[in-house]
Amino acid sequence: MKALFLAGGFGTRLRPITNDLPKPMVPIMGKPLLERNIERLKSYGIDEIVLSTCYKPHKIDKYFEDGEKFGAKINYITEEEPLGTAGAIKNAEKFLSDTFLVFNADILSDIDIADMIRFHKEKGAMATIAVTRVDNPSAYGVIEHDDDSFITAFKEKPKPHESKSNLINAGVYIFEREILNHIPGGRAVSIERETYPLLLEKGFKMAVYDKCSYWLDLGTPGKYLKVHKDILKGLVPIGNYDFGENRVFISESAKVDRSANIRGPVYIGENVVIGPSAVVGPNTVLFDNAFVGVGAKVEDSVVWDNVNVEKGAKVMNSVIMSNCTIDKDSERCNSVLTENSSHPIAV
């Protein structure tokens, strides 16, 4: 089975993190989100990947190349202009055969792909849509279904009295190839507003897969911080890190002064140096080659590679991007820091 990742989003709400990076290339625990999702897919034995790109596609192509070094076979298709979810799927038609998977490339979830595939086959559906529950569905398009898990309606941003459903599209799909016959080519097509209602109208079976306990769209800097905190707490499986009972992971190559105070949950990457009397954590991730100076403090933050937090500096609830320096005795709170600017994070 092949998997198509829709990796063309502009990541506008995630700026400035996405000023120079496609959203799927934003690092999660030091590796691009897309790489994390491909790793997880491979654990289910799926290693034939199609990447549909649009925004800064060369950044994705250059990193993944043909996929060999990641143990996968990767093909690319690029949108000259955004085509919408269904349009992007139609655009990748030449690479797709039989039953195939589709993923929005900007989400993290704990969906059991093998179980979802079994469910799809048991239902004999044209399409199976993974769903997640939200407290306030009025901000989303919700999905209604019958007692047999077959979809009966799609409702866009319903008012409280207009739908009893709180299920929304989780951005993971299984499709039969026949669905491509019902998507027009050469233009933008919304899968939610055009394709799905058309399939319902024509009487095709569409099923909801409702077994997702963790789901997060990496949409904003605040959510970027949240996903790392969730990983540190063990709420979503990423990598093979042994955090132990105290939820502390320190790489073997890190150098941590004995007088430093490491407060879990925390992740400390390769070749990180933490100086005397420094405080790191809780809810903190330090990517490779970061430096935390004497008496400096970093908590509730994600610090990318090659960052220098100088003596006495404080970093709180912030994202510090690669190659930045936090000056001696200065403070960074509730912000995203790039090499050239600082931007506030909504808290």
C-alpha atoms as a PDB file:
ATOM      1  CA  MET A   1       0.000   0.000   0.000  1.00  0.00           C
ATOM      2  CA  LYS A   2       1.224   3.493  -0.849  1.00  0.00           C
ATOM      3  CA  ALA A   3       0.874   6.601   1.275  1.00  0.00           C
ATOM      4  CA  LEU A   4       0.430  10.151   0.013  1.00  0.00           C
ATOM      5  CA  PHE A   5       1.511  12.995   2.293  1.00  0.00           C
ATOM      6  CA  LEU A   6      -0.069  16.365   1.566  1.00  0.00           C
ATOM      7  CA  ALA A   7       2.930  18.560   2.341  1.00  0.00           C
ATOM      8  CA  GLY A   8       2.101  21.749   0.465  1.00  0.00           C
ATOM      9  CA  GLY A   9       0.776  23.986   3.239  1.00  0.00           C
ATOM     10  CA  PHE A  10       2.205  27.485   3.750  1.00  0.00           C
ATOM     11  CA  GLY A  11       2.106  27.277   7.555  1.00  0.00           C
ATOM     12  CA  THR A  12       0.972  30.900   7.825  1.00  0.00           C
ATOM     13  CA  ARG A  13      -0.245  30.652  11.438  1.00  0.00           C
ATOM     14  CA  LEU A  14       3.024  29.013  12.483  1.00  0.00           C
ATOM     15  CA  ARG A  15       5.196  31.943  11.420  1.00  0.00           C
ATOM     16  CA  PRO A  16       7.932  32.971  12.039  1.00  0.00           C
ATOM     17  CA  ILE A  17       8.879  29.296  12.480  1.00  0.00           C
ATOM     18  CA  THR A  18       7.792  28.665   8.891  1.00  0.00           C
ATOM     19  CA  ASN A  19       9.312  31.816   7.379  1.00  0.00           C
ATOM     20  CA  ASP A  20      12.055  29.724   5.816  1.00  0.00           C
ATOM     21  CA  LEU A  21      10.761  26.184   6.410  1.00  0.00           C
ATOM     22  CA  PRO A  22       7.842  24.255   4.929  1.00  0.00           C
ATOM     23  CA  LYS A  23       5.515  23.318   7.781  1.00  0.00           C
ATOM     24  CA  PRO A  24       6.225  19.552   7.467  1.00  0.00           C
ATOM     25  CA  MET A  25       9.952  20.292   7.923  1.00  0.00           C
ATOM     26  CA  VAL A  26       9.526  21.982  11.308  1.00  0.00           C
ATOM     27  CA  PRO A  27      11.578  19.899  13.769  1.00  0.00           C
ATOM     28  CA  ILE A  28       9.931  17.715  16.400  1.00  0.00           C
ATOM     29  CA  MET A  29      12.479  16.566  18.979  1.00  0.00           C
ATOM     30  CA  GLY A  30      15.181  17.553  16.509  1.00  0.00           C
ATOM     31  CA  LYS A  31      13.826  15.807  13.390  1.00  0.00           C
ATOM     32  CA  PRO A  32      11.385  17.164  10.789  1.00  0.00           C
ATOM     33  CA  LEU A  33       7.732  16.423  11.521  1.00  0.00           C
ATOM     34  CA  LEU A  34       7.456  14.692   8.147  1.00  0.00           C
ATOM     35  CA  GLU A  35      10.366  12.403   8.996  1.00  0.00           C
ATOM     36  CA  ARG A  36       8.690  11.519  12.296  1.00  0.00           C
ATOM     37  CA  ASN A  37       5.492  10.606  10.462  1.00  0.00           C
ATOM     38  CA  ILE A  38       7.346   8.554   7.857  1.00  0.00           C
ATOM     39  CA  GLU A  39       9.166   6.689  10.641  1.00  0.00           C
ATOM     40  CA  ARG A  40       5.841   5.838  12.222  1.00  0.00           C
ATOM     41  CA  LEU A  41       4.352   4.723   8.918  1.00  0.00           C
ATOM     42  CA  LYS A  42       7.319   2.434   8.293  1.00  0.00           C
ATOM     43  CA  SER A  43       6.611   0.724  11.623  1.00  0.00           C
ATOM     44  CA  TYR A  44       3.418  -0.528   9.928  1.00  0.00           C
ATOM     45  CA  GLY A  45       5.396  -1.863   6.970  1.00  0.00           C
ATOM     46  CA  ILE A  46       4.446   0.965   4.591  1.00  0.00           C
ATOM     47  CA  ASP A  47       7.515   2.362   2.852  1.00  0.00           C
ATOM     48  CA  GLU A  48       6.272   3.610  -0.541  1.00  0.00           C
ATOM     49  CA  ILE A  49       5.661   7.322  -0.103  1.00  0.00           C
ATOM     50  CA  VAL A  50       4.418  10.116  -2.370  1.00  0.00           C
ATOM     51  CA  LEU A  51       5.049  13.688  -1.219  1.00  0.00           C
ATOM     52  CA  SER A  52       2.788  16.388  -2.623  1.00  0.00           C
ATOM     53  CA  THR A  53       4.594  19.704  -2.142  1.00  0.00           C
ATOM     54  CA  CYS A  54       3.979  23.367  -2.922  1.00  0.00           C
ATOM     55  CA  TYR A  55       5.655  25.799  -0.463  1.00  0.00           C
ATOM     56  CA  LYS A  56       9.459  25.769  -0.681  1.00  0.00           C
ATOM     57  CA  PRO A  57       9.438  22.236  -2.195  1.00  0.00           C
ATOM     58  CA  HIS A  58      13.227  22.193  -2.684  1.00  0.00           C
ATOM     59  CA  LYS A  59      13.683  22.107   1.101  1.00  0.00           C
ATOM     60  CA  ILE A  60      11.749  18.837   1.254  1.00  0.00           C
ATOM     61  CA  ASP A  61      13.321  17.335  -1.890  1.00  0.00           C
ATOM     62  CA  LYS A  62      16.854  18.120  -0.738  1.00  0.00           C
ATOM     63  CA  TYR A  63      16.334  16.559   2.684  1.00  0.00           C
ATOM     64  CA  PHE A  64      14.562  13.337   1.713  1.00  0.00           C
ATOM     65  CA  GLU A  65      15.903  12.825  -1.844  1.00  0.00           C
ATOM     66  CA  ASP A  66      14.721   9.406  -3.072  1.00  0.00           C
ATOM     67  CA  GLY A  67      14.106   8.169   0.474  1.00  0.00           C
ATOM     68  CA  GLU A  68      16.809   5.499   0.433  1.00  0.00           C
ATOM     69  CA  LYS A  69      18.600   6.778   3.538  1.00  0.00           C
ATOM     70  CA  PHE A  70      15.271   6.699   5.381  1.00  0.00           C
ATOM     71  CA  GLY A  71      14.467   3.157   4.284  1.00  0.00           C
ATOM     72  CA  ALA A  72      11.657   4.285   2.006  1.00  0.00           C
ATOM     73  CA  LYS A  73      10.911   4.846  -1.663  1.00  0.00           C
ATOM     74  CA  ILE A  74       9.827   8.462  -2.158  1.00  0.00           C
ATOM     75  CA  ASN A  75       8.268  10.099  -5.218  1.00  0.00           C
ATOM     76  CA  TYR A  76       7.379  13.779  -5.536  1.00  0.00           C
ATOM     77  CA  ILE A  77       4.615  15.764  -7.147  1.00  0.00           C
ATOM     78  CA  THR A  78       4.586  19.569  -6.901  1.00  0.00           C
ATOM     79  CA  GLU A  79       1.600  21.898  -7.121  1.00  0.00           C
ATOM     80  CA  GLU A  80       2.335  25.072  -9.054  1.00  0.00           C
ATOM     81  CA  GLU A  81      -0.468  26.659  -7.058  1.00  0.00           C
ATOM     82  CA  PRO A  82      -2.523  25.274  -4.139  1.00  0.00           C
ATOM     83  CA  LEU A  83      -5.074  22.719  -5.337  1.00  0.00           C
ATOM     84  CA  GLY A  84      -6.924  21.920  -2.116  1.00  0.00           C
ATOM     85  CA  THR A  85      -6.933  18.479  -0.505  1.00  0.00           C
ATOM     86  CA  ALA A  86      -8.860  16.668  -3.261  1.00  0.00           C
ATOM     87  CA  GLY A  87      -7.057  18.557  -6.027  1.00  0.00           C
ATOM     88  CA  ALA A  88      -3.686  17.550  -4.590  1.00  0.00           C
ATOM     89  CA  ILE A  89      -4.798  13.917  -4.426  1.00  0.00           C
ATOM     90  CA  LYS A  90      -5.959  14.033  -8.064  1.00  0.00           C
ATOM     91  CA  ASN A  91      -2.644  15.654  -9.002  1.00  0.00           C
ATOM     92  CA  ALA A  92      -0.787  12.626  -7.608  1.00  0.00           C
ATOM     93  CA  GLU A  93      -2.997  10.139  -9.515  1.00  0.00           C
ATOM     94  CA  LYS A  94      -0.175   8.645 -11.600  1.00  0.00           C
ATOM     95  CA  PHE A  95       1.548   7.386  -8.439  1.00  0.00           C
ATOM     96  CA  LEU A  96      -1.525   5.834  -6.824  1.00  0.00           C
ATOM     97  CA  SER A  97      -2.870   2.338  -7.299  1.00  0.00           C
ATOM     98  CA  ASP A  98      -5.371   0.106  -5.526  1.00  0.00           C
ATOM     99  CA  THR A  99      -6.158   1.151  -1.939  1.00  0.00           C
ATOM    100  CA  PHE A 100      -4.013   4.039  -0.688  1.00  0.00           C
ATOM    101  CA  LEU A 101      -3.470   6.171   2.408  1.00  0.00           C
ATOM    102  CA  VAL A 102      -3.504   9.966   2.590  1.00  0.00           C
ATOM    103  CA  PHE A 103      -2.073  12.068   5.416  1.00  0.00           C
ATOM    104  CA  ASN A 104      -2.115  15.757   6.121  1.00  0.00           C
ATOM    105  CA  ALA A 105       1.597  16.215   6.755  1.00  0.00           C
ATOM    106  CA  ASP A 106       1.181  18.758   9.570  1.00  0.00           C
ATOM    107  CA  ILE A 107      -0.417  16.573  12.248  1.00  0.00           C
ATOM    108  CA  LEU A 108       0.702  14.198  14.961  1.00  0.00           C
ATOM    109  CA  SER A 109      -1.608  11.435  16.150  1.00  0.00           C
ATOM    110  CA  ASP A 110      -1.609   7.987  17.713  1.00  0.00           C
ATOM    111  CA  ILE A 111      -3.893   6.431  15.098  1.00  0.00           C
ATOM    112  CA  ASP A 112      -3.235   2.701  14.672  1.00  0.00           C
ATOM    113  CA  ILE A 113      -2.829   2.545  10.907  1.00  0.00           C
ATOM    114  CA  ALA A 114      -2.954  -1.262  10.743  1.00  0.00           C
ATOM    115  CA  ASP A 115      -6.233  -1.302  12.657  1.00  0.00           C
ATOM    116  CA  MET A 116      -7.644   1.477  10.477  1.00  0.00           C
ATOM    117  CA  ILE A 117      -6.793  -0.505   7.336  1.00  0.00           C
ATOM    118  CA  ARG A 118      -8.532  -3.597   8.754  1.00  0.00           C
ATOM    119  CA  PHE A 119     -11.582  -1.470   9.603  1.00  0.00           C
ATOM    120  CA  HIS A 120     -11.679   0.029   6.093  1.00  0.00           C
ATOM    121  CA  LYS A 121     -11.633  -3.407   4.476  1.00  0.00           C
ATOM    122  CA  GLU A 122     -14.280  -4.789   6.837  1.00  0.00           C
ATOM    123  CA  LYS A 123     -16.595  -1.909   5.990  1.00  0.00           C
ATOM    124  CA  GLY A 124     -16.060  -2.250   2.253  1.00  0.00           C
ATOM    125  CA  ALA A 125     -15.939   1.536   2.063  1.00  0.00           C
ATOM    126  CA  MET A 126     -14.882   3.784  -0.801  1.00  0.00           C
ATOM    127  CA  ALA A 127     -13.365   6.093   1.810  1.00  0.00           C
ATOM    128  CA  THR A 128     -12.560   5.844   5.497  1.00  0.00           C
ATOM    129  CA  ILE A 129     -11.896   9.050   7.408  1.00  0.00           C
ATOM    130  CA  ALA A 130     -10.140   9.109  10.756  1.00  0.00           C
ATOM    131  CA  VAL A 131     -11.875  11.481  13.147  1.00  0.00           C
ATOM    132  CA  THR A 132     -11.047  13.154  16.432  1.00  0.00           C
ATOM    133  CA  ARG A 133     -13.314  14.695  19.049  1.00  0.00           C
ATOM    134  CA  VAL A 134     -13.391  18.386  19.911  1.00  0.00           C
ATOM    135  CA  ASP A 135     -15.163  20.255  22.697  1.00  0.00           C
ATOM    136  CA  ASN A 136     -16.506  23.008  20.440  1.00  0.00           C
ATOM    137  CA  PRO A 137     -17.341  21.690  16.963  1.00  0.00           C
ATOM    138  CA  SER A 138     -18.785  25.035  15.830  1.00  0.00           C
ATOM    139  CA  ALA A 139     -15.305  26.084  14.712  1.00  0.00           C
ATOM    140  CA  TYR A 140     -14.944  23.061  12.420  1.00  0.00           C
ATOM    141  CA  GLY A 141     -16.697  20.992   9.822  1.00  0.00           C
ATOM    142  CA  VAL A 142     -18.255  18.047  11.669  1.00  0.00           C
ATOM    143  CA  ILE A 143     -19.041  14.537  10.492  1.00  0.00           C
ATOM    144  CA  GLU A 144     -22.249  12.696  11.360  1.00  0.00           C
ATOM    145  CA  HIS A 145     -22.608   8.912  11.103  1.00  0.00           C
ATOM    146  CA  ASP A 146     -25.042   6.082  11.753  1.00  0.00           C
ATOM    147  CA  ASP A 147     -24.766   3.186  14.211  1.00  0.00           C
ATOM    148  CA  ASP A 148     -22.686   1.197  11.704  1.00  0.00           C
ATOM    149  CA  SER A 149     -20.051   3.974  11.466  1.00  0.00           C
ATOM    150  CA  PHE A 150     -21.110   5.003   7.967  1.00  0.00           C
ATOM    151  CA  ILE A 151     -21.149   8.730   7.277  1.00  0.00           C
ATOM    152  CA  THR A 152     -24.558  10.334   6.869  1.00  0.00           C
ATOM    153  CA  ALA A 153     -23.693  14.049   6.661  1.00  0.00           C
ATOM    154  CA  PHE A 154     -20.986  16.693   6.648  1.00  0.00           C
ATOM    155  CA  LYS A 155     -21.840  19.996   8.315  1.00  0.00           C
ATOM    156  CA  GLU A 156     -19.584  23.047   8.084  1.00  0.00           C
ATOM    157  CA  LYS A 157     -19.196  24.980  11.379  1.00  0.00           C
ATOM    158  CA  PRO A 158     -22.614  24.035  12.793  1.00  0.00           C
ATOM    159  CA  LYS A 159     -24.266  25.983  15.591  1.00  0.00           C
ATOM    160  CA  PRO A 160     -24.835  23.992  18.831  1.00  0.00           C
ATOM    161  CA  HIS A 161     -28.421  23.070  17.919  1.00  0.00           C
ATOM    162  CA  GLU A 162     -27.564  22.078  14.342  1.00  0.00           C
ATOM    163  CA  SER A 163     -25.582  18.896  15.058  1.00  0.00           C
ATOM    164  CA  LYS A 164     -25.072  16.433  17.877  1.00  0.00           C
ATOM    165  CA  SER A 165     -21.702  15.369  16.497  1.00  0.00           C
ATOM    166  CA  ASN A 166     -18.373  16.559  17.889  1.00  0.00           C
ATOM    167  CA  LEU A 167     -16.288  14.572  15.403  1.00  0.00           C
ATOM    168  CA  ILE A 168     -13.974  16.365  12.992  1.00  0.00           C
ATOM    169  CA  ASN A 169     -11.736  15.216  10.185  1.00  0.00           C
ATOM    170  CA  ALA A 170      -8.345  14.144  11.622  1.00  0.00           C
ATOM    171  CA  GLY A 171      -6.480  14.419   8.310  1.00  0.00           C
ATOM    172  CA  VAL A 172      -5.852  10.679   7.859  1.00  0.00           C
ATOM    173  CA  TYR A 173      -7.728   8.845   5.101  1.00  0.00           C
ATOM    174  CA  ILE A 174      -7.899   5.497   3.338  1.00  0.00           C
ATOM    175  CA  PHE A 175      -9.283   5.589  -0.196  1.00  0.00           C
ATOM    176  CA  GLU A 176     -10.043   3.143  -2.949  1.00  0.00           C
ATOM    177  CA  ARG A 177      -8.502   4.245  -6.232  1.00  0.00           C
ATOM    178  CA  GLU A 178     -11.961   4.671  -7.754  1.00  0.00           C
ATOM    179  CA  ILE A 179     -12.337   7.894  -5.767  1.00  0.00           C
ATOM    180  CA  LEU A 180      -9.993   9.560  -8.276  1.00  0.00           C
ATOM    181  CA  ASN A 181     -12.684   9.158 -10.949  1.00  0.00           C
ATOM    182  CA  HIS A 182     -14.885  11.546  -8.960  1.00  0.00           C
ATOM    183  CA  ILE A 183     -12.361  14.372  -8.572  1.00  0.00           C
ATOM    184  CA  PRO A 184     -11.995  16.823 -11.489  1.00  0.00           C
ATOM    185  CA  GLY A 185      -8.452  17.546 -12.626  1.00  0.00           C
ATOM    186  CA  GLY A 186      -6.675  20.783 -13.391  1.00  0.00           C
ATOM    187  CA  ARG A 187      -8.208  22.935 -10.674  1.00  0.00           C
ATOM    188  CA  ALA A 188      -8.458  23.382  -6.904  1.00  0.00           C
ATOM    189  CA  VAL A 189     -10.950  20.975  -5.317  1.00  0.00           C
ATOM    190  CA  SER A 190     -12.080  20.903  -1.676  1.00  0.00           C
ATOM    191  CA  ILE A 191     -12.513  17.371  -0.427  1.00  0.00           C
ATOM    192  CA  GLU A 192     -14.801  18.500   2.408  1.00  0.00           C
ATOM    193  CA  ARG A 193     -17.069  20.799   0.391  1.00  0.00           C
ATOM    194  CA  GLU A 194     -17.065  19.056  -2.996  1.00  0.00           C
ATOM    195  CA  THR A 195     -15.812  15.474  -3.059  1.00  0.00           C
ATOM    196  CA  TYR A 196     -17.343  14.032   0.099  1.00  0.00           C
ATOM    197  CA  PRO A 197     -20.844  15.495  -0.461  1.00  0.00           C
ATOM    198  CA  LEU A 198     -20.721  14.201  -4.046  1.00  0.00           C
ATOM    199  CA  LEU A 199     -19.810  10.687  -2.905  1.00  0.00           C
ATOM    200  CA  LEU A 200     -22.651  10.741  -0.360  1.00  0.00           C
ATOM    201  CA  GLU A 201     -25.066  11.900  -3.041  1.00  0.00           C
ATOM    202  CA  LYS A 202     -23.990   9.036  -5.302  1.00  0.00           C
ATOM    203  CA  GLY A 203     -24.492   6.501  -2.513  1.00  0.00           C
ATOM    204  CA  PHE A 204     -20.909   5.398  -1.949  1.00  0.00           C
ATOM    205  CA  LYS A 205     -20.004   3.993   1.448  1.00  0.00           C
ATOM    206  CA  MET A 206     -17.857   6.266   3.584  1.00  0.00           C
ATOM    207  CA  ALA A 207     -16.866   5.206   7.079  1.00  0.00           C
ATOM    208  CA  VAL A 208     -15.562   7.008  10.164  1.00  0.00           C
ATOM    209  CA  TYR A 209     -12.663   5.560  12.120  1.00  0.00           C
ATOM    210  CA  ASP A 210     -13.117   6.816  15.672  1.00  0.00           C
ATOM    211  CA  LYS A 211     -10.179   5.410  17.635  1.00  0.00           C
ATOM    212  CA  CYS A 212      -7.894   8.407  17.938  1.00  0.00           C
ATOM    213  CA  SER A 213      -6.941   9.351  21.500  1.00  0.00           C
ATOM    214  CA  TYR A 214      -4.174  11.831  20.623  1.00  0.00           C
ATOM    215  CA  TRP A 215      -4.317  14.313  17.767  1.00  0.00           C
ATOM    216  CA  LEU A 216      -2.729  17.718  17.249  1.00  0.00           C
ATOM    217  CA  ASP A 217      -2.524  20.007  14.259  1.00  0.00           C
ATOM    218  CA  LEU A 218       0.820  21.788  14.430  1.00  0.00           C
ATOM    219  CA  GLY A 219      -0.876  25.053  13.554  1.00  0.00           C
ATOM    220  CA  THR A 220       0.599  27.710  15.844  1.00  0.00           C
ATOM    221  CA  PRO A 221       3.751  28.349  17.919  1.00  0.00           C
ATOM    222  CA  GLY A 222       1.663  27.634  21.002  1.00  0.00           C
ATOM    223  CA  LYS A 223       0.713  24.216  19.633  1.00  0.00           C
ATOM    224  CA  TYR A 224       4.353  23.629  18.680  1.00  0.00           C
ATOM    225  CA  LEU A 225       5.285  24.072  22.334  1.00  0.00           C
ATOM    226  CA  LYS A 226       2.343  21.923  23.414  1.00  0.00           C
ATOM    227  CA  VAL A 227       3.270  18.955  21.246  1.00  0.00           C
ATOM    228  CA  HIS A 228       6.737  18.851  22.797  1.00  0.00           C
ATOM    229  CA  LYS A 229       5.282  18.993  26.288  1.00  0.00           C
ATOM    230  CA  ASP A 230       2.924  16.153  25.352  1.00  0.00           C
ATOM    231  CA  ILE A 231       5.825  14.078  24.020  1.00  0.00           C
ATOM    232  CA  LEU A 232       7.790  14.659  27.217  1.00  0.00           C
ATOM    233  CA  LYS A 233       4.779  13.524  29.241  1.00  0.00           C
ATOM    234  CA  GLY A 234       4.491  10.354  27.151  1.00  0.00           C
ATOM    235  CA  LEU A 235       1.116  11.266  25.644  1.00  0.00           C
ATOM    236  CA  VAL A 236       2.245  10.670  22.053  1.00  0.00           C
ATOM    237  CA  PRO A 237       4.882   8.130  20.965  1.00  0.00           C
ATOM    238  CA  ILE A 238       7.847   9.730  19.186  1.00  0.00           C
ATOM    239  CA  GLY A 239      11.246   8.064  18.847  1.00  0.00           C
ATOM    240  CA  ASN A 240      12.667   5.432  21.175  1.00  0.00           C
ATOM    241  CA  TYR A 241      13.793   7.613  24.066  1.00  0.00           C
ATOM    242  CA  ASP A 242      14.075   6.085  27.525  1.00  0.00           C
ATOM    243  CA  PHE A 243      12.942   8.906  29.799  1.00  0.00           C
ATOM    244  CA  GLY A 244      12.772   6.782  32.948  1.00  0.00           C
ATOM    245  CA  GLU A 245      10.521   7.438  35.932  1.00  0.00           C
ATOM    246  CA  ASN A 246      11.604  11.072  36.255  1.00  0.00           C
ATOM    247  CA  ARG A 247      10.879  11.775  32.564  1.00  0.00           C
ATOM    248  CA  VAL A 248      14.459  12.911  31.981  1.00  0.00           C
ATOM    249  CA  PHE A 249      16.442  11.982  28.863  1.00  0.00           C
ATOM    250  CA  ILE A 250      20.073  13.079  28.626  1.00  0.00           C
ATOM    251  CA  SER A 251      22.077  11.935  25.598  1.00  0.00           C
ATOM    252  CA  GLU A 252      25.378  10.202  26.254  1.00  0.00           C
ATOM    253  CA  SER A 253      27.370  12.957  24.543  1.00  0.00           C
ATOM    254  CA  ALA A 254      25.815  15.778  26.613  1.00  0.00           C
ATOM    255  CA  LYS A 255      27.944  17.461  29.276  1.00  0.00           C
ATOM    256  CA  VAL A 256      25.921  18.512  32.308  1.00  0.00           C
ATOM    257  CA  ASP A 257      27.665  20.176  35.264  1.00  0.00           C
ATOM    258  CA  ARG A 258      27.042  18.425  38.586  1.00  0.00           C
ATOM    259  CA  SER A 259      25.636  21.611  40.121  1.00  0.00           C
ATOM    260  CA  ALA A 260      23.078  22.100  37.337  1.00  0.00           C
ATOM    261  CA  ASN A 261      19.446  21.497  38.247  1.00  0.00           C
ATOM    262  CA  ILE A 262      17.697  19.264  35.671  1.00  0.00           C
ATOM    263  CA  ARG A 263      13.946  19.114  36.311  1.00  0.00           C
ATOM    264  CA  GLY A 264      11.870  16.646  34.356  1.00  0.00           C
ATOM    265  CA  PRO A 265      10.178  16.195  32.077  1.00  0.00           C
ATOM    266  CA  VAL A 266      13.107  17.212  29.913  1.00  0.00           C
ATOM    267  CA  TYR A 267      15.031  16.128  26.815  1.00  0.00           C
ATOM    268  CA  ILE A 268      18.715  17.005  26.357  1.00  0.00           C
ATOM    269  CA  GLY A 269      20.153  16.247  22.916  1.00  0.00           C
ATOM    270  CA  GLU A 270      23.568  15.338  21.541  1.00  0.00           C
ATOM    271  CA  ASN A 271      26.605  17.431  22.515  1.00  0.00           C
ATOM    272  CA  VAL A 272      24.553  19.797  24.670  1.00  0.00           C
ATOM    273  CA  VAL A 273      26.582  21.639  27.328  1.00  0.00           C
ATOM    274  CA  ILE A 274      24.922  22.806  30.560  1.00  0.00           C
ATOM    275  CA  GLY A 275      27.010  24.938  32.893  1.00  0.00           C
ATOM    276  CA  PRO A 276      27.261  25.274  36.684  1.00  0.00           C
ATOM    277  CA  SER A 277      24.092  26.235  38.618  1.00  0.00           C
ATOM    278  CA  ALA A 278      22.022  26.302  35.425  1.00  0.00           C
ATOM    279  CA  VAL A 279      18.358  25.266  35.632  1.00  0.00           C
ATOM    280  CA  VAL A 280      16.821  23.286  32.778  1.00  0.00           C
ATOM    281  CA  GLY A 281      13.190  22.153  32.830  1.00  0.00           C
ATOM    282  CA  PRO A 282      10.517  21.257  33.385  1.00  0.00           C
ATOM    283  CA  ASN A 283       8.849  20.796  29.987  1.00  0.00           C
ATOM    284  CA  THR A 284      12.005  21.654  28.087  1.00  0.00           C
ATOM    285  CA  VAL A 285      13.649  20.261  24.960  1.00  0.00           C
ATOM    286  CA  LEU A 286      17.236  21.126  24.013  1.00  0.00           C
ATOM    287  CA  PHE A 287      18.219  20.126  20.485  1.00  0.00           C
ATOM    288  CA  ASP A 288      21.784  19.105  19.594  1.00  0.00           C
ATOM    289  CA  ASN A 289      24.751  21.375  20.326  1.00  0.00           C
ATOM    290  CA  ALA A 290      22.810  23.800  22.521  1.00  0.00           C
ATOM    291  CA  PHE A 291      24.695  25.633  25.277  1.00  0.00           C
ATOM    292  CA  VAL A 292      23.235  26.786  28.596  1.00  0.00           C
ATOM    293  CA  GLY A 293      25.641  28.976  30.563  1.00  0.00           C
ATOM    294  CA  VAL A 294      26.388  29.482  34.230  1.00  0.00           C
ATOM    295  CA  GLY A 295      23.260  30.241  36.253  1.00  0.00           C
ATOM    296  CA  ALA A 296      21.048  30.402  33.148  1.00  0.00           C
ATOM    297  CA  LYS A 297      17.484  29.127  33.286  1.00  0.00           C
ATOM    298  CA  VAL A 298      15.416  27.431  30.546  1.00  0.00           C
ATOM    299  CA  GLU A 299      11.928  26.125  31.239  1.00  0.00           C
ATOM    300  CA  ASP A 300       8.731  25.320  29.305  1.00  0.00           C
ATOM    301  CA  SER A 301      10.674  25.923  26.090  1.00  0.00           C
ATOM    302  CA  VAL A 302      12.009  24.309  22.930  1.00  0.00           C
ATOM    303  CA  VAL A 303      15.585  25.277  22.080  1.00  0.00           C
ATOM    304  CA  TRP A 304      16.841  24.322  18.627  1.00  0.00           C
ATOM    305  CA  ASP A 305      20.365  23.289  17.635  1.00  0.00           C
ATOM    306  CA  ASN A 306      23.423  25.507  18.068  1.00  0.00           C
ATOM    307  CA  VAL A 307      21.683  27.944  20.409  1.00  0.00           C
ATOM    308  CA  ASN A 308      23.739  29.788  23.014  1.00  0.00           C
ATOM    309  CA  VAL A 309      21.957  30.740  26.261  1.00  0.00           C
ATOM    310  CA  GLU A 310      24.560  32.873  27.988  1.00  0.00           C
ATOM    311  CA  LYS A 311      25.348  33.292  31.675  1.00  0.00           C
ATOM    312  CA  GLY A 312      22.378  34.329  33.810  1.00  0.00           C
ATOM    313  CA  ALA A 313      19.926  34.461  30.894  1.00  0.00           C
ATOM    314  CA  LYS A 314      16.345  33.234  31.285  1.00  0.00           C
ATOM    315  CA  VAL A 315      14.160  31.543  28.667  1.00  0.00           C
ATOM    316  CA  MET A 316      10.545  30.756  29.536  1.00  0.00           C
ATOM    317  CA  ASN A 317       7.673  29.410  27.408  1.00  0.00           C
ATOM    318  CA  SER A 318       9.540  30.183  24.206  1.00  0.00           C
ATOM    319  CA  VAL A 319      10.848  28.692  20.975  1.00  0.00           C
ATOM    320  CA  ILE A 320      14.475  29.588  20.284  1.00  0.00           C
ATOM    321  CA  MET A 321      15.372  28.751  16.696  1.00  0.00           C
ATOM    322  CA  SER A 322      18.736  27.537  15.377  1.00  0.00           C
ATOM    323  CA  ASN A 323      21.917  29.569  15.845  1.00  0.00           C
ATOM    324  CA  CYS A 324      20.356  32.180  18.146  1.00  0.00           C
ATOM    325  CA  THR A 325      22.106  33.712  21.145  1.00  0.00           C
ATOM    326  CA  ILE A 326      20.323  34.787  24.326  1.00  0.00           C
ATOM    327  CA  ASP A 327      22.515  37.519  25.737  1.00  0.00           C
ATOM    328  CA  LYS A 328      23.959  37.472  29.230  1.00  0.00           C
ATOM    329  CA  ASP A 329      21.414  38.253  31.994  1.00  0.00           C
ATOM    330  CA  SER A 330      18.621  38.878  29.436  1.00  0.00           C
ATOM    331  CA  GLU A 331      15.140  37.320  29.379  1.00  0.00           C
ATOM    332  CA  ARG A 332      13.000  35.771  26.664  1.00  0.00           C
ATOM    333  CA  CYS A 333       9.426  34.964  27.648  1.00  0.00           C
ATOM    334  CA  ASN A 334       6.433  33.856  25.568  1.00  0.00           C
ATOM    335  CA  SER A 335       8.212  34.426  22.275  1.00  0.00           C
ATOM    336  CA  VAL A 336       9.661  32.864  19.143  1.00  0.00           C
ATOM    337  CA  LEU A 337      13.220  34.011  18.561  1.00  0.00           C
ATOM    338  CA  THR A 338      14.808  33.790  15.125  1.00  0.00           C
ATOM    339  CA  GLU A 339      18.330  34.904  14.228  1.00  0.00           C
ATOM    340  CA  ASN A 340      16.988  38.300  13.200  1.00  0.00           C
ATOM    341  CA  SER A 341      13.809  38.957  15.195  1.00  0.00           C
ATOM    342  CA  SER A 342      11.534  38.095  18.077  1.00  0.00           C
ATOM    343  CA  HIS A 343       7.804  37.434  17.900  1.00  0.00           C
ATOM    344  CA  PRO A 344       5.316  37.024  20.786  1.00  0.00           C
ATOM    345  CA  ILE A 345       3.462  33.773  21.409  1.00  0.00           C
ATOM    346  CA  ALA A 346      -0.189  34.076  22.370  1.00  0.00           C
ATOM    347  CA  VAL A 347      -0.639  32.653  25.880  1.00  0.00           C
END
